[in-house]
Amino acid sequence: MRIQPTSFAFTLLLGFLAAVPYSGIDINLPALAATGATLGASPSDVGLTMSAFMLSLAVAPLLYGPISDRIGRKPVVMAGVALFAIASLACAAADSLWMLLICRFVQGGGAASTTMTFAIIRDLFDETIARAKIASVVIAVNVVTVVAPSAGAALLAVGSWRLIYLTQAAAGSVLLLAVLLGFAETAKIAAAGRLRPSAVIADYRRVLTNPAALAFILVGAAGGATVFAYVTGSSLFFIGVVGLRPDQYGLIFSACSAAVMCGAFIDSRLGRRGIAPTTVLTIGLVLLFTVASALLAMTLAHWTPPALLAALLMAVALAFGLSMPNIMNATMQPLPDIAGAVGAAAGSIQMTSGAIASGLVATLFDGRSALSMTAVMAAASLLALLLYLLFARPAVRRLHPAPALTPAQ
C-alpha cells in the first residue's frame, strides 16, 4: 500500500502534512469569542491560545530535526501527528483557559513535526524536481489557508468551538493512518549516528556556519516576516479602519492566498521550462520589495484606497509564492545529510521572525492608518532582498562556480 513518491497522491499527502500547522491557526479564528464565552474569558485572552500554539511551532522543530536525521522521518512525523490528534481531543475537553493554553501548546508541538515535509522532499528528489514539489506543497498549504476559516465558521454554526478541535483530532487520525500505511522511510540514516546532545549541537553549528544555508534561512525569515506583517496588519486596517465586515475581509484574505498559489504555480511552470531558480527568486524578491515600498509611500502620502491596497497586497502574496519554493529548495541543498536539522532551523527562525513582525505591527498600530503594516513590510522585504543579493547569491556562486572557458571556447 506504499504511495509512490512520484505520484500525485504522495504530493497531496505532503501538502496536507505541511498544512497542519497553518490549519491549527486559521480554523480556530472564528471561534475566539465563543470559546471565551464558554470559559469565562475575553476574546483577547483566548487569543493567547494562538500565541501558545505558535510558540510551540517555533521551538519544537529544533528537537524534531536532529531526531529525524538519526532515527528517520517516518517515526518522528507519526509521533507528532499522533500527539497533535491527542492534544486536539484534550483541547475539546478543556474546561478552563489555562487548560486550553496548555493543550494548545502541546498541540502545536505535535503539529511542528510536519515541518519535516521539506526534509522529506530533499531526501527524495534532485534540485529541479524538488523545486516543483515544494511549489506544489506551497499551493496545498494555501488551499487549506483559504478553506480553514470558513470551515471553522461552519463547524461553529452547527456545533460549538469544541467541534472544531474534534475535527482537528479526526483529521490528524486520518493523516496518521495515511503516513503509517502509505509512507516509506526517506532518510539515509548513518549506522554510526547517535542522538547525543553534543551531536545535536554540532548539527546546528554546521547549519549556522554554512554560508549558503544560513543566508537562505535568513532570506526566508525576512520574506516570511513581510507576509506575517501583512496578515496581522491587513485585518487591523480593513476591519478596524476601513470598517469592512469580517466576511468582506475574508474575501481579501482568500484572494491573497490564491495569489500565493498562483505564484508557486508559475514558479513550477517556469522550472519545467528550464528557467533558473536564481532568476525567478531575484524577480520575486525585487517585486516583493517594490510593492511593499509602494504601499509605504502611499501610506505616508495618506492615500490608501482600499481596492488598490488590496490589489497591491495580492501582488505581495504573488511575489512570496514565486520566491518561497526557491528559498526553501536552496536552503535544503548544502547539507543533505542533516536535512532535518536544516529544515528545523529554517522553520524555527522563520516562525520567530514572523512573530516579531506581527508583534511590531500590532504594537505600533495607530488605529487610523496602515502605517505600521506597510513600514514593517517595506523594512522586512528590503532586508530579504539585501540578504539575497549580498550573501545568499554569492554563497551559491562559490559553491557552484561557473566552469572556466578553454582557449577553444
Protein backbone atom coordinates (compact mmCIF):
# COMPACT_ATOMS: atom_id res chain seq x y z
CA MET A 1 0.00 0.00 0.00
CA ARG A 2 3.04 2.30 -0.20
CA ILE A 3 2.40 5.54 -2.07
CA GLN A 4 4.96 6.14 -4.81
CA PRO A 5 6.94 9.36 -4.25
CA THR A 6 6.46 10.39 -7.87
CA SER A 7 2.66 10.15 -7.65
CA PHE A 8 0.15 12.93 -7.19
CA ALA A 9 -1.15 11.15 -4.08
CA PHE A 10 2.26 11.46 -2.43
CA THR A 11 2.44 15.17 -3.24
CA LEU A 12 -1.06 15.57 -1.83
CA LEU A 13 -0.04 13.78 1.38
CA LEU A 14 2.98 16.06 1.78
CA GLY A 15 0.77 19.08 1.18
CA PHE A 16 -1.73 18.04 3.85
CA LEU A 17 1.09 17.36 6.31
CA ALA A 18 2.70 20.75 5.68
CA ALA A 19 -0.69 22.44 6.11
CA VAL A 20 -1.31 21.06 9.61
CA PRO A 21 0.41 23.96 11.47
CA TYR A 22 -1.47 26.58 9.45
CA SER A 23 -4.82 24.84 9.79
CA GLY A 24 -4.27 24.79 13.53
CA ILE A 25 -4.28 28.59 13.46
CA ASP A 26 -6.79 29.55 10.80
CA ILE A 27 -9.63 27.13 11.60
CA ASN A 28 -9.84 28.44 15.16
CA LEU A 29 -10.02 32.16 14.32
CA PRO A 30 -13.85 32.35 14.03
CA ALA A 31 -14.30 30.70 17.44
CA LEU A 32 -12.32 33.01 19.74
CA ALA A 33 -15.39 34.84 21.07
CA ALA A 34 -17.44 31.66 21.51
CA THR A 35 -14.56 29.95 23.30
CA GLY A 36 -14.20 32.90 25.64
CA ALA A 37 -17.93 32.90 26.41
CA THR A 38 -17.76 29.26 27.49
CA LEU A 39 -14.58 29.56 29.53
CA GLY A 40 -15.37 32.93 31.07
CA ALA A 41 -12.56 34.77 29.28
CA SER A 42 -12.36 37.66 26.82
CA PRO A 43 -11.65 37.00 23.12
CA SER A 44 -8.28 38.74 23.53
CA ASP A 45 -7.38 36.36 26.36
CA VAL A 46 -8.41 33.39 24.23
CA GLY A 47 -6.15 34.86 21.54
CA LEU A 48 -3.26 33.80 23.77
CA THR A 49 -4.01 30.24 22.71
CA MET A 50 -2.80 31.26 19.23
CA SER A 51 0.42 32.56 20.78
CA ALA A 52 0.90 29.32 22.71
CA PHE A 53 0.39 27.29 19.52
CA MET A 54 2.84 29.44 17.51
CA LEU A 55 5.46 29.44 20.28
CA SER A 56 5.44 25.66 20.27
CA LEU A 57 5.66 25.66 16.47
CA ALA A 58 8.82 27.74 16.71
CA VAL A 59 10.54 25.64 19.39
CA ALA A 60 9.55 22.01 18.75
CA PRO A 61 11.15 21.64 15.28
CA LEU A 62 14.56 22.20 16.87
CA LEU A 63 14.07 18.83 18.59
CA TYR A 64 12.41 17.02 15.70
CA GLY A 65 15.04 17.91 13.08
CA PRO A 66 18.11 16.18 14.57
CA ILE A 67 16.00 13.26 15.80
CA SER A 68 14.63 12.67 12.30
CA ASP A 69 18.17 12.74 10.87
CA ARG A 70 19.11 9.84 13.17
CA ILE A 71 16.04 7.64 13.55
CA GLY A 72 14.15 8.60 10.38
CA ARG A 73 11.42 10.96 9.23
CA LYS A 74 8.53 8.49 9.48
CA PRO A 75 8.62 7.79 13.24
CA VAL A 76 9.02 11.50 14.00
CA VAL A 77 6.09 12.53 11.79
CA MET A 78 3.91 9.72 13.11
CA ALA A 79 4.64 10.56 16.75
CA GLY A 80 3.99 14.26 16.10
CA VAL A 81 0.72 13.73 14.24
CA ALA A 82 -0.46 11.34 16.96
CA LEU A 83 0.39 13.96 19.59
CA PHE A 84 -1.50 16.57 17.55
CA ALA A 85 -4.61 14.36 17.44
CA ILE A 86 -4.50 13.55 21.18
CA ALA A 87 -3.90 17.19 22.12
CA SER A 88 -6.82 18.23 19.90
CA LEU A 89 -9.08 15.91 21.91
CA ALA A 90 -7.73 17.45 25.11
CA CYS A 91 -8.45 20.95 23.75
CA ALA A 92 -12.05 19.90 23.05
CA ALA A 93 -12.40 18.75 26.66
CA ALA A 94 -10.72 21.80 28.26
CA ASP A 95 -12.82 23.45 30.97
CA SER A 96 -10.62 26.46 31.69
CA LEU A 97 -8.47 28.91 29.76
CA TRP A 98 -5.31 27.68 31.45
CA MET A 99 -6.07 24.09 30.45
CA LEU A 100 -6.74 25.20 26.87
CA LEU A 101 -3.46 27.13 26.78
CA ILE A 102 -1.50 24.08 27.88
CA CYS A 103 -3.30 21.82 25.42
CA ARG A 104 -2.77 24.26 22.56
CA PHE A 105 0.97 24.40 23.34
CA VAL A 106 1.14 20.61 23.18
CA GLN A 107 -0.98 20.61 20.02
CA GLY A 108 1.45 23.00 18.36
CA GLY A 109 4.35 20.76 19.38
CA GLY A 110 2.69 17.86 17.61
CA ALA A 111 1.89 19.93 14.52
CA ALA A 112 5.52 21.06 14.31
CA SER A 113 6.61 17.54 13.32
CA THR A 114 5.09 18.11 9.89
CA THR A 115 7.76 20.74 9.16
CA MET A 116 9.86 17.67 8.21
CA THR A 117 7.99 17.78 4.89
CA PHE A 118 10.75 19.80 3.22
CA ALA A 119 13.44 17.44 4.54
CA ILE A 120 11.47 14.53 3.03
CA ILE A 121 11.44 16.30 -0.33
CA ARG A 122 15.20 16.88 -0.09
CA ASP A 123 15.71 13.19 0.72
CA LEU A 124 13.88 12.01 -2.39
CA PHE A 125 14.34 14.46 -5.23
CA ASP A 126 17.06 16.36 -7.07
CA GLU A 127 17.06 20.16 -7.16
CA THR A 128 14.79 20.60 -10.20
CA ILE A 129 12.10 18.13 -9.12
CA ALA A 130 12.32 19.31 -5.50
CA ARG A 131 11.58 22.86 -6.64
CA ALA A 132 8.36 21.69 -8.31
CA LYS A 133 7.37 19.54 -5.31
CA ILE A 134 7.90 22.42 -2.88
CA ALA A 135 5.79 24.67 -5.12
CA SER A 136 3.00 22.07 -5.03
CA VAL A 137 3.23 21.89 -1.24
CA VAL A 138 3.00 25.69 -1.00
CA ILE A 139 -0.14 25.56 -3.16
CA ALA A 140 -1.69 22.89 -0.90
CA VAL A 141 -0.90 24.90 2.24
CA ASN A 142 -2.64 27.95 0.82
CA VAL A 143 -5.67 25.92 -0.25
CA VAL A 144 -6.03 24.95 3.40
CA THR A 145 -5.47 28.58 4.44
CA VAL A 146 -8.35 29.64 2.21
CA VAL A 147 -10.70 26.89 3.37
CA ALA A 148 -9.86 26.70 7.10
CA PRO A 149 -11.55 29.91 8.38
CA SER A 150 -14.77 29.12 6.51
CA ALA A 151 -14.65 25.55 7.77
CA GLY A 152 -14.20 26.82 11.33
CA ALA A 153 -17.18 29.16 10.96
CA ALA A 154 -19.34 26.34 9.55
CA LEU A 155 -18.40 23.98 12.38
CA LEU A 156 -19.15 26.71 14.90
CA ALA A 157 -22.57 27.22 13.32
CA VAL A 158 -23.59 23.56 13.52
CA GLY A 159 -21.97 22.76 16.86
CA SER A 160 -19.58 24.60 19.15
CA TRP A 161 -15.92 25.54 19.33
CA ARG A 162 -15.27 22.09 20.78
CA LEU A 163 -16.40 20.56 17.47
CA ILE A 164 -13.55 22.39 15.74
CA TYR A 165 -10.98 20.64 17.92
CA LEU A 166 -12.74 17.29 17.46
CA THR A 167 -12.49 17.81 13.71
CA GLN A 168 -8.77 18.52 14.04
CA ALA A 169 -8.40 15.30 16.02
CA ALA A 170 -10.22 13.35 13.28
CA ALA A 171 -8.07 14.94 10.55
CA GLY A 172 -4.91 14.11 12.50
CA SER A 173 -6.04 10.50 12.87
CA VAL A 174 -6.64 10.17 9.12
CA LEU A 175 -3.21 11.63 8.37
CA LEU A 176 -1.60 9.29 10.90
CA LEU A 177 -3.17 6.30 9.15
CA ALA A 178 -2.06 7.60 5.74
CA VAL A 179 1.55 8.01 6.91
CA LEU A 180 1.52 4.57 8.60
CA LEU A 181 0.26 2.73 5.53
CA GLY A 182 1.48 4.82 2.61
CA PHE A 183 4.78 6.37 3.62
CA ALA A 184 8.18 4.66 3.40
CA GLU A 185 11.24 5.96 5.23
CA THR A 186 13.21 8.50 3.18
CA ALA A 187 16.14 9.48 5.40
CA LYS A 188 19.55 7.94 4.78
CA ILE A 189 20.39 7.08 8.38
CA ALA A 190 24.07 6.62 9.18
CA ALA A 191 24.78 3.45 11.16
CA ALA A 192 27.06 5.38 13.49
CA GLY A 193 24.63 8.21 14.02
CA ARG A 194 23.59 8.58 17.65
CA LEU A 195 21.32 11.12 19.26
CA ARG A 196 23.64 12.82 21.76
CA PRO A 197 23.32 16.45 22.90
CA SER A 198 26.81 17.13 21.59
CA ALA A 199 25.85 15.71 18.18
CA VAL A 200 22.71 17.84 18.03
CA ILE A 201 24.69 20.95 18.92
CA ALA A 202 27.26 20.03 16.27
CA ASP A 203 24.50 19.70 13.67
CA TYR A 204 23.12 23.14 14.40
CA ARG A 205 26.63 24.57 14.44
CA ARG A 206 27.09 23.20 10.93
CA VAL A 207 23.81 24.76 9.81
CA LEU A 208 24.56 28.16 11.31
CA THR A 209 28.13 28.26 10.00
CA ASN A 210 27.31 27.12 6.47
CA PRO A 211 27.26 30.37 4.45
CA ALA A 212 24.70 29.24 1.87
CA ALA A 213 22.28 27.52 4.26
CA LEU A 214 22.36 30.36 6.81
CA ALA A 215 21.98 33.04 4.14
CA PHE A 216 18.89 31.42 2.65
CA ILE A 217 17.43 30.75 6.10
CA LEU A 218 17.68 34.47 6.83
CA VAL A 219 16.27 35.41 3.42
CA GLY A 220 13.29 33.13 4.10
CA ALA A 221 12.85 34.59 7.58
CA ALA A 222 12.79 38.15 6.25
CA GLY A 223 10.39 37.18 3.45
CA GLY A 224 8.17 35.38 5.95
CA ALA A 225 8.21 38.44 8.23
CA THR A 226 6.88 40.50 5.32
CA VAL A 227 3.91 38.18 4.95
CA PHE A 228 3.22 37.89 8.69
CA ALA A 229 3.17 41.70 8.84
CA TYR A 230 0.54 41.83 6.09
CA VAL A 231 -1.55 39.08 7.70
CA THR A 232 -1.67 40.95 11.01
CA GLY A 233 -1.89 44.47 9.64
CA SER A 234 -4.41 43.86 6.89
CA SER A 235 -7.10 42.74 9.34
CA LEU A 236 -6.39 45.70 11.62
CA PHE A 237 -6.64 48.14 8.72
CA PHE A 238 -9.52 46.74 6.68
CA ILE A 239 -11.73 45.88 9.65
CA GLY A 240 -10.61 48.45 12.22
CA VAL A 241 -10.01 51.47 9.96
CA VAL A 242 -11.93 50.92 6.73
CA GLY A 243 -14.84 49.24 8.53
CA LEU A 244 -15.20 46.10 6.41
CA ARG A 245 -17.18 43.21 7.82
CA PRO A 246 -15.15 40.10 8.70
CA ASP A 247 -16.68 38.20 5.78
CA GLN A 248 -15.71 41.00 3.39
CA TYR A 249 -12.17 40.99 4.73
CA GLY A 250 -12.19 37.20 4.35
CA LEU A 251 -12.56 37.63 0.60
CA ILE A 252 -9.41 39.78 0.51
CA PHE A 253 -7.52 37.26 2.63
CA SER A 254 -8.67 34.42 0.36
CA ALA A 255 -7.65 36.38 -2.74
CA CYS A 256 -4.16 36.88 -1.28
CA SER A 257 -3.88 33.16 -0.52
CA ALA A 258 -4.92 32.44 -4.10
CA ALA A 259 -2.17 34.82 -5.27
CA VAL A 260 0.43 32.83 -3.28
CA MET A 261 -0.82 29.67 -5.01
CA CYS A 262 -0.60 31.41 -8.37
CA GLY A 263 2.98 32.48 -7.71
CA ALA A 264 4.01 28.96 -6.68
CA PHE A 265 2.28 27.52 -9.77
CA ILE A 266 4.07 29.99 -12.05
CA ASP A 267 7.40 29.08 -10.45
CA SER A 268 6.72 25.40 -11.03
CA ARG A 269 5.90 26.01 -14.69
CA LEU A 270 9.00 28.18 -15.15
CA GLY A 271 11.12 25.42 -13.61
CA ARG A 272 9.79 22.93 -16.15
CA ARG A 273 10.76 25.37 -18.91
CA GLY A 274 14.32 25.50 -17.63
CA ILE A 275 14.22 28.97 -16.07
CA ALA A 276 16.92 29.11 -13.39
CA PRO A 277 15.67 29.35 -9.79
CA THR A 278 18.04 32.27 -9.17
CA THR A 279 16.29 34.24 -11.90
CA VAL A 280 12.82 33.59 -10.51
CA LEU A 281 13.95 34.28 -6.94
CA THR A 282 15.52 37.60 -7.94
CA ILE A 283 12.33 38.64 -9.72
CA GLY A 284 10.20 37.56 -6.76
CA LEU A 285 12.24 39.44 -4.14
CA VAL A 286 12.51 42.59 -6.27
CA LEU A 287 8.75 42.52 -6.81
CA LEU A 288 8.19 41.96 -3.08
CA PHE A 289 10.31 44.99 -2.13
CA THR A 290 8.91 47.20 -4.91
CA VAL A 291 5.29 46.61 -3.98
CA ALA A 292 5.95 46.91 -0.23
CA SER A 293 7.75 50.21 -0.84
CA ALA A 294 4.83 51.47 -2.93
CA LEU A 295 2.47 50.58 -0.10
CA LEU A 296 4.64 52.52 2.38
CA ALA A 297 4.81 55.54 0.06
CA MET A 298 1.00 55.52 -0.35
CA THR A 299 0.55 55.34 3.42
CA LEU A 300 2.94 58.22 4.06
CA ALA A 301 1.05 60.25 1.44
CA HIS A 302 -2.23 59.45 3.27
CA TRP A 303 -3.62 57.93 0.07
CA THR A 304 -4.78 54.36 0.65
CA PRO A 305 -7.81 53.46 -1.50
CA PRO A 306 -8.93 50.09 -0.09
CA ALA A 307 -9.31 48.44 -3.50
CA LEU A 308 -5.82 49.47 -4.62
CA LEU A 309 -4.34 48.46 -1.28
CA ALA A 310 -5.95 45.02 -1.56
CA ALA A 311 -4.61 44.64 -5.13
CA LEU A 312 -1.08 45.51 -4.02
CA LEU A 313 -1.28 43.05 -1.12
CA MET A 314 -2.20 40.40 -3.68
CA ALA A 315 0.95 41.37 -5.60
CA VAL A 316 2.96 40.89 -2.39
CA ALA A 317 1.41 37.45 -1.99
CA LEU A 318 2.22 36.60 -5.63
CA ALA A 319 5.85 37.60 -5.10
CA PHE A 320 6.01 35.45 -1.96
CA GLY A 321 4.64 32.47 -3.89
CA LEU A 322 7.29 32.96 -6.57
CA SER A 323 10.09 33.23 -4.03
CA MET A 324 9.40 30.75 -1.24
CA PRO A 325 9.76 27.43 -3.14
CA ASN A 326 13.16 28.56 -4.42
CA ILE A 327 14.25 29.80 -0.99
CA MET A 328 13.31 26.52 0.70
CA ASN A 329 14.90 24.46 -2.07
CA ALA A 330 18.16 26.42 -1.86
CA THR A 331 18.14 26.22 1.95
CA MET A 332 17.98 22.42 1.89
CA GLN A 333 20.68 21.81 -0.75
CA PRO A 334 24.04 22.44 1.01
CA LEU A 335 23.70 19.90 3.87
CA PRO A 336 21.71 16.88 2.63
CA ASP A 337 22.98 14.58 5.38
CA ILE A 338 21.31 16.73 8.10
CA ALA A 339 18.33 17.99 6.09
CA GLY A 340 16.12 17.58 9.16
CA ALA A 341 18.23 19.97 11.22
CA VAL A 342 18.36 22.45 8.33
CA GLY A 343 14.60 22.40 7.89
CA ALA A 344 14.06 22.69 11.63
CA ALA A 345 16.36 25.70 11.94
CA ALA A 346 14.72 27.35 8.94
CA GLY A 347 11.20 26.79 10.26
CA SER A 348 12.02 27.93 13.77
CA ILE A 349 13.79 31.11 12.67
CA GLN A 350 11.06 31.95 10.16
CA MET A 351 8.31 31.46 12.73
CA THR A 352 10.20 33.58 15.27
CA SER A 353 10.78 36.40 12.78
CA GLY A 354 7.13 36.24 11.77
CA ALA A 355 6.02 36.52 15.37
CA ILE A 356 8.30 39.54 15.87
CA ALA A 357 6.96 41.23 12.73
CA SER A 358 3.37 40.50 13.75
CA GLY A 359 4.02 41.89 17.23
CA LEU A 360 5.58 45.07 15.84
CA VAL A 361 2.63 45.69 13.54
CA ALA A 362 0.11 45.19 16.35
CA THR A 363 2.10 47.27 18.87
CA LEU A 364 2.73 50.19 16.51
CA PHE A 365 -0.79 50.25 15.02
CA ASP A 366 -2.18 53.77 15.45
CA GLY A 367 -5.83 52.92 14.83
CA ARG A 368 -6.01 55.34 11.89
CA SER A 369 -3.78 54.04 9.10
CA ALA A 370 -1.88 51.10 7.67
CA LEU A 371 1.49 52.67 8.52
CA SER A 372 2.66 50.01 10.98
CA MET A 373 1.90 47.27 8.45
CA THR A 374 3.49 48.93 5.42
CA ALA A 375 6.57 50.13 7.32
CA VAL A 376 7.35 46.66 8.67
CA MET A 377 6.64 45.10 5.26
CA ALA A 378 8.96 47.52 3.48
CA ALA A 379 11.76 47.02 6.02
CA ALA A 380 11.46 43.23 6.00
CA SER A 381 11.28 42.96 2.20
CA LEU A 382 14.32 45.24 1.82
CA LEU A 383 16.21 43.06 4.29
CA ALA A 384 15.24 39.92 2.32
CA LEU A 385 16.45 41.43 -0.95
CA LEU A 386 19.75 42.67 0.52
CA LEU A 387 20.46 39.36 2.26
CA TYR A 388 19.90 37.56 -1.02
CA LEU A 389 21.98 39.87 -3.20
CA LEU A 390 24.85 40.37 -0.74
CA PHE A 391 25.11 36.96 0.93
CA ALA A 392 22.91 34.16 -0.46
CA ARG A 393 23.62 34.53 -4.18
CA PRO A 394 27.40 34.95 -3.72
CA ALA A 395 27.42 31.88 -1.45
CA VAL A 396 25.73 29.82 -4.16
CA ARG A 397 28.23 31.03 -6.74
CA ARG A 398 31.10 29.97 -4.50
CA LEU A 399 29.53 26.52 -4.12
CA HIS A 400 28.79 26.17 -7.85
CA PRO A 401 31.36 28.26 -9.73
CA ALA A 402 30.91 28.67 -13.46
CA PRO A 403 33.19 26.36 -15.47
CA ALA A 404 36.30 28.06 -16.79
CA LEU A 405 36.44 28.64 -20.54
CA THR A 406 39.12 26.81 -22.52
CA PRO A 407 41.11 28.65 -25.22
CA ALA A 408 38.99 26.93 -27.89
CA GLN A 409 35.88 28.39 -26.31
